[in-house]
């Protein structure tokens, strides 16, 4: 076939050819951007590992300072300014081991997601891309034919429409292989978190009055419920209860689930938990809701001592705020554990950096798990239980199960005049089996002298401000 092209159509054909070349290059650029074959070798580096951290040995001494590079065969490669340092994983602190575990999981997720998307895009390109390209070429030829035929009429409009129409087609063709929106969550994606009981144990080891053990499901905390700090002093709203030992041992020990699972509908402290404990401090003292049984903030109405604690209806000492004072002894270890299984840290993160922003539950994700933080302001420790818990009772007078019992053993307490009252001292007896609590009411001093024997037989002597003395005995 002999093709003869008149001179008056040469210029439009040149312009059309230029347009074809332009859109071919544009299509190639888009295709390169979305080509699933690109970036395979680079995929391992999509996660940013440039943040420097201080790495510590198991005894919490500093190992080095650098960034995570890779880990394999039980060893960790840490990039330093002057080179690379290799450390056996088992020599690192539990915090750093969890950090490495999170890095490896995130890299694996990136690679899995990449290859999944690559396979999907390859399938889509086989099904749609050739047809879309043929359609684009056919439409382009139609436009060129129209341009040649009507070169003398309204060519300016056609020259404007062709680039716009073809640009839209190129974008549609190039993106045809991306038929789904990336909805990958920004969180870790995990819903259950299993704690290392040996790492948990490190939080309780600084306290001699606490014993721990564990099985496959729970970490158990045993204590007598008596801290090694001053109790009760400074309380002005007193219900006449006093601290006594409670046998939180054996089957009556505190139980922390080793596997914590995100609750689908986290339960707030305002709506529940106004009975029983919501956590256990690292010194073995229970931690209750900051709201008392009447729904009032105990701290705000003078019910608590300087450590955030007081004695409840069972003459059981417990906290209603976060035990921030334990940071002095606990260091960077958790100061408590909530009964949903998540740890409670103090004012610092486990690596010693300042506390990160808190969510509505009073915590955040960190190193492939979740933890709460204690603060000096309401809600102090937990705003809502991030983890699943089982409840007994009717809201808001409900409590988390399982947990130990601390039954009242003396019924209604001896009435004490509460006018202008303040507890001034609690002194332990030399025998170690009793206390003398002193208080003032309207400026007049009174006291409660109480003790117990090996059979838990209690003797209470009440010296009231009117000068009377009353003795009561109880079997616990």
Protein backbone atom coordinates (compact mmCIF):
# COMPACT_ATOMS: atom_id res chain seq x y z
CA UNK A 1 0.00 0.00 0.00
CA UNK A 2 1.34 3.40 -0.91
CA UNK A 3 0.58 6.10 1.59
CA UNK A 4 0.58 9.66 0.29
CA UNK A 5 0.50 12.45 2.82
CA UNK A 6 -0.40 15.91 1.65
CA UNK A 7 1.67 18.80 2.83
CA UNK A 8 -1.27 20.44 4.54
CA UNK A 9 -1.56 17.54 7.00
CA UNK A 10 2.15 17.22 7.82
CA UNK A 11 2.04 19.77 10.65
CA UNK A 12 -0.95 18.18 12.42
CA UNK A 13 0.66 14.76 12.12
CA UNK A 14 3.87 16.07 13.70
CA UNK A 15 1.88 17.49 16.58
CA UNK A 16 -0.01 14.21 16.97
CA UNK A 17 3.25 12.24 16.93
CA UNK A 18 4.66 14.54 19.59
CA UNK A 19 1.59 13.92 21.73
CA UNK A 20 1.87 10.16 21.28
CA UNK A 21 5.53 10.27 22.34
CA UNK A 22 4.70 12.43 25.36
CA UNK A 23 1.97 10.14 26.62
CA UNK A 24 4.05 7.02 25.97
CA UNK A 25 6.80 8.46 28.21
CA UNK A 26 4.23 9.51 30.83
CA UNK A 27 2.70 6.04 30.84
CA UNK A 28 6.12 4.47 31.30
CA UNK A 29 6.79 6.77 34.27
CA UNK A 30 3.55 5.78 35.94
CA UNK A 31 4.13 2.11 35.20
CA UNK A 32 7.61 2.27 36.72
CA UNK A 33 6.21 3.81 39.86
CA UNK A 34 3.72 0.98 40.32
CA UNK A 35 5.79 -1.90 38.92
CA UNK A 36 5.61 -4.68 41.51
CA UNK A 37 9.00 -5.96 40.39
CA UNK A 38 10.67 -2.76 41.56
CA UNK A 39 12.03 -2.41 45.09
CA UNK A 40 12.44 -6.07 46.02
CA UNK A 41 15.94 -5.56 47.29
CA UNK A 42 14.96 -2.28 48.92
CA UNK A 43 11.98 -3.69 50.78
CA UNK A 44 14.07 -4.64 53.80
CA UNK A 45 14.94 -0.98 54.35
CA UNK A 46 11.47 0.54 54.20
CA UNK A 47 11.27 0.52 58.01
CA UNK A 48 13.19 3.42 59.54
CA UNK A 49 15.88 2.13 61.90
CA UNK A 50 17.79 5.37 62.17
CA UNK A 51 16.73 6.21 65.72
CA UNK A 52 19.61 5.78 68.10
CA UNK A 53 18.97 4.07 71.43
CA UNK A 54 20.93 3.08 74.50
CA UNK A 55 21.28 -0.70 74.67
CA UNK A 56 21.61 -2.36 78.08
CA UNK A 57 22.75 -5.71 79.39
CA UNK A 58 20.48 -7.93 81.50
CA UNK A 59 21.76 -6.28 84.69
CA UNK A 60 20.73 -2.89 83.19
CA UNK A 61 24.31 -1.68 82.72
CA UNK A 62 24.93 0.14 79.42
CA UNK A 63 26.11 -2.09 76.58
CA UNK A 64 26.42 0.46 73.78
CA UNK A 65 24.63 3.27 71.98
CA UNK A 66 23.58 2.83 68.37
CA UNK A 67 20.85 1.79 65.96
CA UNK A 68 19.40 -1.63 65.21
CA UNK A 69 20.83 -3.08 62.01
CA UNK A 70 19.81 -6.76 61.91
CA UNK A 71 19.40 -9.85 64.07
CA UNK A 72 19.90 -13.52 63.26
CA UNK A 73 21.08 -16.74 64.89
CA UNK A 74 20.61 -15.30 68.38
CA UNK A 75 22.83 -12.25 67.78
CA UNK A 76 22.10 -8.57 67.22
CA UNK A 77 24.03 -6.25 64.88
CA UNK A 78 24.09 -2.67 66.21
CA UNK A 79 25.32 0.11 63.98
CA UNK A 80 27.63 2.64 65.66
CA UNK A 81 29.18 5.81 64.36
CA UNK A 82 32.50 4.03 64.09
CA UNK A 83 31.28 0.66 62.83
CA UNK A 84 29.11 -2.28 63.88
CA UNK A 85 28.88 -4.08 67.23
CA UNK A 86 27.53 -7.63 67.58
CA UNK A 87 25.95 -8.73 70.88
CA UNK A 88 24.35 -12.05 71.87
CA UNK A 89 20.62 -11.47 72.23
CA UNK A 90 20.39 -13.31 75.55
CA UNK A 91 22.91 -10.89 77.08
CA UNK A 92 20.62 -7.91 76.52
CA UNK A 93 17.96 -6.59 78.88
CA UNK A 94 14.38 -7.80 78.50
CA UNK A 95 13.46 -4.34 77.18
CA UNK A 96 16.01 -4.58 74.37
CA UNK A 97 15.04 -8.18 73.57
CA UNK A 98 11.43 -7.07 73.10
CA UNK A 99 12.64 -4.15 70.99
CA UNK A 100 14.53 -6.53 68.68
CA UNK A 101 11.50 -8.83 68.50
CA UNK A 102 9.31 -5.92 67.44
CA UNK A 103 11.80 -4.86 64.76
CA UNK A 104 11.93 -8.33 63.26
CA UNK A 105 8.13 -8.64 63.23
CA UNK A 106 7.71 -5.25 61.56
CA UNK A 107 10.27 -6.06 58.88
CA UNK A 108 8.52 -9.36 58.26
CA UNK A 109 5.17 -7.60 57.98
CA UNK A 110 6.62 -5.14 55.46
CA UNK A 111 8.02 -7.96 53.33
CA UNK A 112 4.83 -10.03 53.52
CA UNK A 113 2.73 -7.04 52.57
CA UNK A 114 5.06 -6.13 49.70
CA UNK A 115 4.96 -9.56 48.08
CA UNK A 116 1.20 -9.82 48.61
CA UNK A 117 0.69 -6.50 46.82
CA UNK A 118 3.15 -7.50 44.11
CA UNK A 119 1.22 -10.70 43.38
CA UNK A 120 -2.06 -8.84 43.33
CA UNK A 121 -0.75 -6.15 41.00
CA UNK A 122 0.76 -8.75 38.67
CA UNK A 123 -2.60 -10.50 38.38
CA UNK A 124 -4.38 -7.22 37.76
CA UNK A 125 -1.89 -6.15 35.10
CA UNK A 126 -2.47 -9.37 33.15
CA UNK A 127 -6.22 -8.87 33.24
CA UNK A 128 -6.58 -5.16 32.55
CA UNK A 129 -3.48 -3.32 31.44
CA UNK A 130 -3.28 -4.62 27.80
CA UNK A 131 -6.94 -3.80 27.18
CA UNK A 132 -6.60 -0.37 28.70
CA UNK A 133 -3.54 0.33 26.55
CA UNK A 134 -5.30 -0.79 23.35
CA UNK A 135 -8.28 1.40 24.23
CA UNK A 136 -6.03 4.39 24.84
CA UNK A 137 -4.25 3.87 21.51
CA UNK A 138 -7.54 3.52 19.62
CA UNK A 139 -8.95 6.71 21.14
CA UNK A 140 -5.73 8.54 20.39
CA UNK A 141 -5.95 7.55 16.71
CA UNK A 142 -9.58 8.73 16.59
CA UNK A 143 -8.53 12.10 17.97
CA UNK A 144 -5.70 12.31 15.45
CA UNK A 145 -8.10 11.47 12.61
CA UNK A 146 -10.55 14.10 13.74
CA UNK A 147 -7.74 16.62 14.01
CA UNK A 148 -6.57 15.88 10.43
CA UNK A 149 -10.07 16.03 9.02
CA UNK A 150 -10.95 19.27 10.72
CA UNK A 151 -7.58 20.93 10.75
CA UNK A 152 -9.03 24.12 9.33
CA UNK A 153 -11.86 24.40 11.80
CA UNK A 154 -11.64 24.82 15.56
CA UNK A 155 -8.19 23.23 15.77
CA UNK A 156 -7.29 25.30 18.81
CA UNK A 157 -10.03 23.65 20.85
CA UNK A 158 -9.00 20.17 19.64
CA UNK A 159 -5.36 20.76 20.55
CA UNK A 160 -6.50 21.69 24.05
CA UNK A 161 -8.83 18.71 24.44
CA UNK A 162 -6.37 16.07 23.22
CA UNK A 163 -3.68 16.56 25.92
CA UNK A 164 -6.30 16.79 28.69
CA UNK A 165 -8.18 13.67 27.53
CA UNK A 166 -5.02 11.63 27.05
CA UNK A 167 -3.60 12.68 30.42
CA UNK A 168 -6.74 11.39 32.12
CA UNK A 169 -6.46 8.12 30.19
CA UNK A 170 -2.80 7.70 31.14
CA UNK A 171 -3.59 8.16 34.84
CA UNK A 172 -6.44 5.64 34.67
CA UNK A 173 -4.31 3.10 32.81
CA UNK A 174 -1.32 3.52 35.11
CA UNK A 175 -3.38 3.15 38.27
CA UNK A 176 -5.57 0.32 36.99
CA UNK A 177 -3.40 -2.23 38.80
CA UNK A 178 -4.01 -0.50 42.17
CA UNK A 179 -7.63 -1.52 42.54
CA UNK A 180 -7.56 -1.54 46.38
CA UNK A 181 -6.92 1.16 48.97
CA UNK A 182 -4.14 0.48 51.46
CA UNK A 183 -5.87 0.29 54.80
CA UNK A 184 -2.94 -1.00 56.85
CA UNK A 185 -3.38 0.20 60.46
CA UNK A 186 -0.72 2.45 61.94
CA UNK A 187 -0.63 0.40 65.16
CA UNK A 188 1.25 -2.86 65.59
CA UNK A 189 -1.81 -4.79 64.44
CA UNK A 190 -1.48 -7.26 67.32
CA UNK A 191 -4.43 -7.84 69.63
CA UNK A 192 -2.89 -10.25 72.15
CA UNK A 193 0.40 -9.86 73.98
CA UNK A 194 2.16 -12.54 76.02
CA UNK A 195 4.56 -11.40 78.73
CA UNK A 196 7.79 -13.09 79.73
CA UNK A 197 7.27 -14.07 83.39
CA UNK A 198 10.99 -13.84 84.13
CA UNK A 199 10.92 -10.25 82.91
CA UNK A 200 7.80 -9.54 84.98
CA UNK A 201 9.53 -10.98 88.01
CA UNK A 202 12.21 -8.30 87.80
CA UNK A 203 9.59 -5.68 88.75
CA UNK A 204 8.92 -7.39 92.10
CA UNK A 205 12.41 -8.50 93.10
CA UNK A 206 13.39 -5.19 94.78
CA UNK A 207 10.74 -5.80 97.49
CA UNK A 208 11.47 -8.31 100.23
CA UNK A 209 7.85 -8.56 101.38
CA UNK A 210 6.71 -9.99 98.01
CA UNK A 211 6.92 -13.53 96.64
CA UNK A 212 6.16 -14.47 93.04
CA UNK A 213 5.53 -17.59 90.97
CA UNK A 214 3.85 -18.42 87.68
CA UNK A 215 2.32 -21.12 85.55
CA UNK A 216 1.25 -21.22 81.89
CA UNK A 217 -1.59 -18.75 82.37
CA UNK A 218 -0.95 -16.47 85.33
CA UNK A 219 1.79 -14.64 87.19
CA UNK A 220 1.08 -14.83 90.95
CA UNK A 221 1.99 -12.16 93.49
CA UNK A 222 2.00 -13.05 97.19
CA UNK A 223 2.20 -10.60 100.07
CA UNK A 224 0.69 -9.67 103.44
CA UNK A 225 -0.61 -6.35 102.13
CA UNK A 226 1.62 -4.21 104.39
CA UNK A 227 4.12 -1.83 102.71
CA UNK A 228 7.46 -0.76 104.16
CA UNK A 229 6.50 2.93 104.23
CA UNK A 230 4.48 5.07 106.64
CA UNK A 231 0.72 4.53 106.41
CA UNK A 232 -2.41 6.55 107.18
CA UNK A 233 -0.74 9.79 108.29
CA UNK A 234 -2.45 12.95 107.01
CA UNK A 235 -5.87 11.40 106.37
CA UNK A 236 -8.72 13.76 107.29
CA UNK A 237 -11.70 11.74 106.02
CA UNK A 238 -11.42 8.51 108.00
CA UNK A 239 -13.84 5.59 108.21
CA UNK A 240 -12.16 4.26 111.39
CA UNK A 241 -10.46 1.32 109.62
CA UNK A 242 -6.81 0.45 110.24
CA UNK A 243 -4.11 -1.50 108.37
CA UNK A 244 -3.89 -5.21 109.21
CA UNK A 245 -2.07 -8.06 107.45
CA UNK A 246 -3.95 -10.10 104.86
CA UNK A 247 -2.86 -13.48 103.61
CA UNK A 248 -2.55 -12.89 99.86
CA UNK A 249 -0.83 -16.24 99.36
CA UNK A 250 -1.55 -19.64 97.84
CA UNK A 251 -4.95 -19.73 96.18
CA UNK A 252 -5.61 -16.23 97.53
CA UNK A 253 -2.64 -14.66 95.68
CA UNK A 254 -2.97 -11.85 93.16
CA UNK A 255 -3.23 -13.16 89.61
CA UNK A 256 -1.93 -11.29 86.57
CA UNK A 257 -2.74 -12.92 83.20
CA UNK A 258 0.40 -13.66 81.20
CA UNK A 259 -1.48 -13.03 77.96
CA UNK A 260 -3.26 -9.69 77.73
CA UNK A 261 -5.80 -9.21 74.95
CA UNK A 262 -7.12 -5.88 73.72
CA UNK A 263 -10.72 -5.38 74.79
CA UNK A 264 -13.14 -4.71 71.95
CA UNK A 265 -14.95 -2.24 74.23
CA UNK A 266 -12.57 -1.11 77.00
CA UNK A 267 -14.36 -0.60 80.32
CA UNK A 268 -13.85 2.79 81.95
CA UNK A 269 -13.13 3.32 85.64
CA UNK A 270 -16.13 5.67 85.84
CA UNK A 271 -18.56 2.96 84.78
CA UNK A 272 -17.19 -0.01 86.79
CA UNK A 273 -14.52 -1.25 89.23
CA UNK A 274 -15.82 0.58 92.33
CA UNK A 275 -15.24 -2.64 94.27
CA UNK A 276 -11.98 -4.50 94.55
CA UNK A 277 -8.62 -3.76 92.96
CA UNK A 278 -7.71 -2.83 89.41
CA UNK A 279 -4.00 -3.56 89.81
CA UNK A 280 -1.22 -4.73 92.09
CA UNK A 281 1.78 -2.56 92.93
CA UNK A 282 5.30 -3.96 92.66
CA UNK A 283 5.55 -3.91 96.47
CA UNK A 284 2.54 -6.22 96.79
CA UNK A 285 -0.08 -3.59 97.69
CA UNK A 286 -3.43 -3.64 95.83
CA UNK A 287 -4.41 -0.59 93.79
CA UNK A 288 -8.07 0.41 93.71
CA UNK A 289 -10.09 2.67 91.45
CA UNK A 290 -9.37 6.36 92.22
CA UNK A 291 -13.14 6.64 92.63
CA UNK A 292 -14.42 5.29 95.94
CA UNK A 293 -17.62 3.31 96.44
CA UNK A 294 -19.58 6.56 96.36
CA UNK A 295 -18.12 7.60 93.02
CA UNK A 296 -15.96 10.35 94.55
CA UNK A 297 -12.23 10.81 93.95
CA UNK A 298 -10.66 9.59 97.20
CA UNK A 299 -7.64 11.84 96.80
CA UNK A 300 -9.78 14.96 96.53
CA UNK A 301 -11.78 14.43 99.72
CA UNK A 302 -8.94 13.70 102.18
CA UNK A 303 -9.29 9.90 102.33
CA UNK A 304 -5.66 9.13 101.42
CA UNK A 305 -2.27 9.41 103.06
CA UNK A 306 0.88 10.84 101.49
CA UNK A 307 1.40 7.59 99.52
CA UNK A 308 -2.11 7.53 98.06
CA UNK A 309 -3.37 4.78 100.36
CA UNK A 310 -5.75 4.03 103.22
CA UNK A 311 -7.52 1.09 104.85
CA UNK A 312 -10.80 -0.23 103.49
CA UNK A 313 -13.77 -2.01 105.06
CA UNK A 314 -11.71 -5.14 105.56
CA UNK A 315 -8.99 -3.23 107.46
CA UNK A 316 -6.97 -3.81 104.30
CA UNK A 317 -4.44 -1.21 103.23
CA UNK A 318 -4.51 -0.32 99.52
CA UNK A 319 -3.72 2.53 97.13
CA UNK A 320 -6.21 4.64 95.19
CA UNK A 321 -3.56 6.44 93.12
CA UNK A 322 -0.52 5.28 91.18
CA UNK A 323 2.37 4.30 93.50
CA UNK A 324 4.75 6.85 92.00
CA UNK A 325 6.93 6.71 95.12
CA UNK A 326 8.09 3.24 93.99
CA UNK A 327 10.10 4.80 91.14
CA UNK A 328 12.85 5.44 93.71
CA UNK A 329 13.26 1.70 94.26
CA UNK A 330 11.92 0.25 91.02
CA UNK A 331 13.94 2.47 88.72
CA UNK A 332 12.83 1.85 85.12
CA UNK A 333 10.97 -1.36 85.98
CA UNK A 334 7.15 -1.34 86.19
CA UNK A 335 5.78 0.14 89.39
CA UNK A 336 2.63 -2.00 89.08
CA UNK A 337 0.62 -4.32 86.88
CA UNK A 338 -3.02 -3.82 85.99
CA UNK A 339 -5.21 -6.89 86.39
CA UNK A 340 -5.76 -7.05 82.63
CA UNK A 341 -2.10 -8.09 82.26
CA UNK A 342 -0.51 -4.83 81.10
CA UNK A 343 2.38 -3.24 83.00
CA UNK A 344 2.28 0.19 84.63
CA UNK A 345 5.41 2.32 84.33
CA UNK A 346 6.24 5.53 86.12
CA UNK A 347 7.18 8.91 84.67
CA UNK A 348 9.74 7.40 82.24
CA UNK A 349 9.62 4.93 79.41
CA UNK A 350 11.45 1.59 79.95
CA UNK A 351 14.48 2.95 78.06
CA UNK A 352 14.73 5.99 80.33
CA UNK A 353 13.29 8.54 77.91
CA UNK A 354 10.50 10.90 78.95
CA UNK A 355 7.01 9.47 79.00
CA UNK A 356 5.36 9.55 75.58
CA UNK A 357 1.86 10.93 75.00
CA UNK A 358 -0.89 8.90 76.67
CA UNK A 359 -4.08 7.70 75.04
CA UNK A 360 -7.59 7.67 76.51
CA UNK A 361 -6.73 4.54 78.52
CA UNK A 362 -3.74 6.29 80.17
CA UNK A 363 -1.13 4.32 78.25
CA UNK A 364 0.25 3.55 74.79
CA UNK A 365 1.91 0.89 72.65
CA UNK A 366 5.62 0.38 73.19
CA UNK A 367 8.05 -2.27 71.96
CA UNK A 368 5.47 -4.63 70.51
CA UNK A 369 3.15 -4.45 73.52
CA UNK A 370 1.06 -1.98 75.52
CA UNK A 371 1.60 -0.42 78.91
CA UNK A 372 0.05 2.17 81.21
CA UNK A 373 1.78 5.02 83.01
CA UNK A 374 1.31 6.35 86.51
CA UNK A 375 0.87 10.10 86.94
CA UNK A 376 0.19 12.49 89.81
CA UNK A 377 -3.12 13.60 88.34
CA UNK A 378 -6.45 11.86 87.73
CA UNK A 379 -6.99 9.13 86.59
CA UNK A 380 -3.50 8.43 88.00
CA UNK A 381 -2.98 5.00 86.41
CA UNK A 382 -5.82 3.56 84.30
CA UNK A 383 -8.54 5.50 82.51
CA UNK A 384 -10.11 2.36 81.05
CA UNK A 385 -9.02 -1.26 80.98
CA UNK A 386 -7.26 -1.64 77.63
CA UNK A 387 -7.24 -5.38 78.11
CA UNK A 388 -10.09 -7.84 78.48
CA UNK A 389 -11.26 -8.51 82.04
CA UNK A 390 -14.04 -10.56 83.64
CA UNK A 391 -16.36 -8.81 86.08
CA UNK A 392 -18.57 -9.80 88.98
CA UNK A 393 -21.24 -7.64 90.58
CA UNK A 394 -23.41 -4.90 89.15
CA UNK A 395 -21.91 -1.73 87.66
CA UNK A 396 -20.54 0.51 88.98
CA UNK A 397 -20.14 -1.70 92.08
CA UNK A 398 -18.33 -4.39 90.11
CA UNK A 399 -14.88 -5.89 90.44
CA UNK A 400 -12.37 -7.76 88.30
CA UNK A 401 -12.20 -11.53 88.70
CA UNK A 402 -10.22 -13.44 89.73
CA UNK A 403 -8.74 -11.55 92.66
CA UNK A 404 -8.03 -12.29 96.34
CA UNK A 405 -10.51 -11.68 99.12
CA UNK A 406 -10.01 -9.41 102.13
CA UNK A 407 -13.12 -9.96 104.21
CA UNK A 408 -14.04 -7.60 107.04
CA UNK A 409 -13.62 -9.34 110.39
CA UNK A 410 -14.95 -6.82 112.90
CA UNK A 411 -18.25 -5.68 111.43
CA UNK A 412 -19.09 -2.02 111.92
CA UNK A 413 -15.99 -0.27 113.28
CA UNK A 414 -15.92 1.47 116.65
CA UNK A 415 -17.41 5.00 116.19
CA UNK A 416 -14.82 7.78 116.35
CA UNK A 417 -15.56 11.50 116.47
CA UNK A 418 -14.63 12.83 113.02
CA UNK A 419 -14.97 16.58 113.65
CA UNK A 420 -11.84 18.36 112.37
CA UNK A 421 -10.06 15.01 112.39
CA UNK A 422 -6.54 14.27 111.16
CA UNK A 423 -4.45 11.11 111.62
CA UNK A 424 -1.08 12.14 113.04
CA UNK A 425 0.87 8.88 113.37
CA UNK A 426 0.89 5.10 112.94
CA UNK A 427 3.65 3.40 114.89
CA UNK A 428 4.45 -0.29 114.68
CA UNK A 429 4.78 -2.19 117.94
CA UNK A 430 8.16 -3.65 118.83
CA UNK A 431 6.70 -7.14 118.51
CA UNK A 432 5.94 -6.50 114.83
CA UNK A 433 2.40 -7.71 115.47
CA UNK A 434 0.45 -4.53 116.02
CA UNK A 435 0.24 -0.74 115.69
CA UNK A 436 -0.78 2.33 117.60
CA UNK A 437 -2.66 4.86 115.49
CA UNK A 438 -3.01 8.37 116.88
CA UNK A 439 -5.30 11.13 115.67
CA UNK A 440 -6.71 14.45 116.75
CA UNK A 441 -10.35 15.54 116.61
CA UNK A 442 -11.15 19.15 117.44
CA UNK A 443 -7.56 19.38 118.70
CA UNK A 444 -7.98 16.55 121.22
CA UNK A 445 -5.87 13.41 120.81
CA UNK A 446 -7.27 9.92 120.58
CA UNK A 447 -5.75 6.56 119.64
CA UNK A 448 -6.41 3.03 118.51
CA UNK A 449 -4.03 0.47 120.01
CA UNK A 450 -4.38 -2.88 118.28
CA UNK A 451 -2.42 -6.14 118.02
CA UNK A 452 -2.79 -9.77 116.97
CA UNK A 453 -1.30 -13.14 117.84
CA UNK A 454 -0.16 -16.11 115.76
CA UNK A 455 -3.73 -17.40 115.59
CA UNK A 456 -5.02 -14.09 114.17
CA UNK A 457 -6.80 -13.21 117.40
CA UNK A 458 -7.07 -9.39 117.48
CA UNK A 459 -7.32 -7.04 120.44
CA UNK A 460 -8.39 -3.40 119.87
CA UNK A 461 -8.13 -0.73 122.57
CA UNK A 462 -9.92 2.53 121.66
CA UNK A 463 -8.89 5.64 123.60
CA UNK A 464 -11.52 8.17 122.57
CA UNK A 465 -11.27 11.96 122.82
CA UNK A 466 -13.90 12.01 125.58
CA UNK A 467 -11.47 10.13 127.85
CA UNK A 468 -13.22 6.76 127.64
CA UNK A 469 -11.46 3.48 126.85
CA UNK A 470 -13.09 0.53 125.08
CA UNK A 471 -11.56 -2.90 124.45
CA UNK A 472 -12.84 -5.19 121.69
CA UNK A 473 -11.58 -8.57 120.51
CA UNK A 474 -12.02 -10.34 117.18
CA UNK A 475 -11.07 -13.60 115.56
CA UNK A 476 -9.90 -13.11 111.98
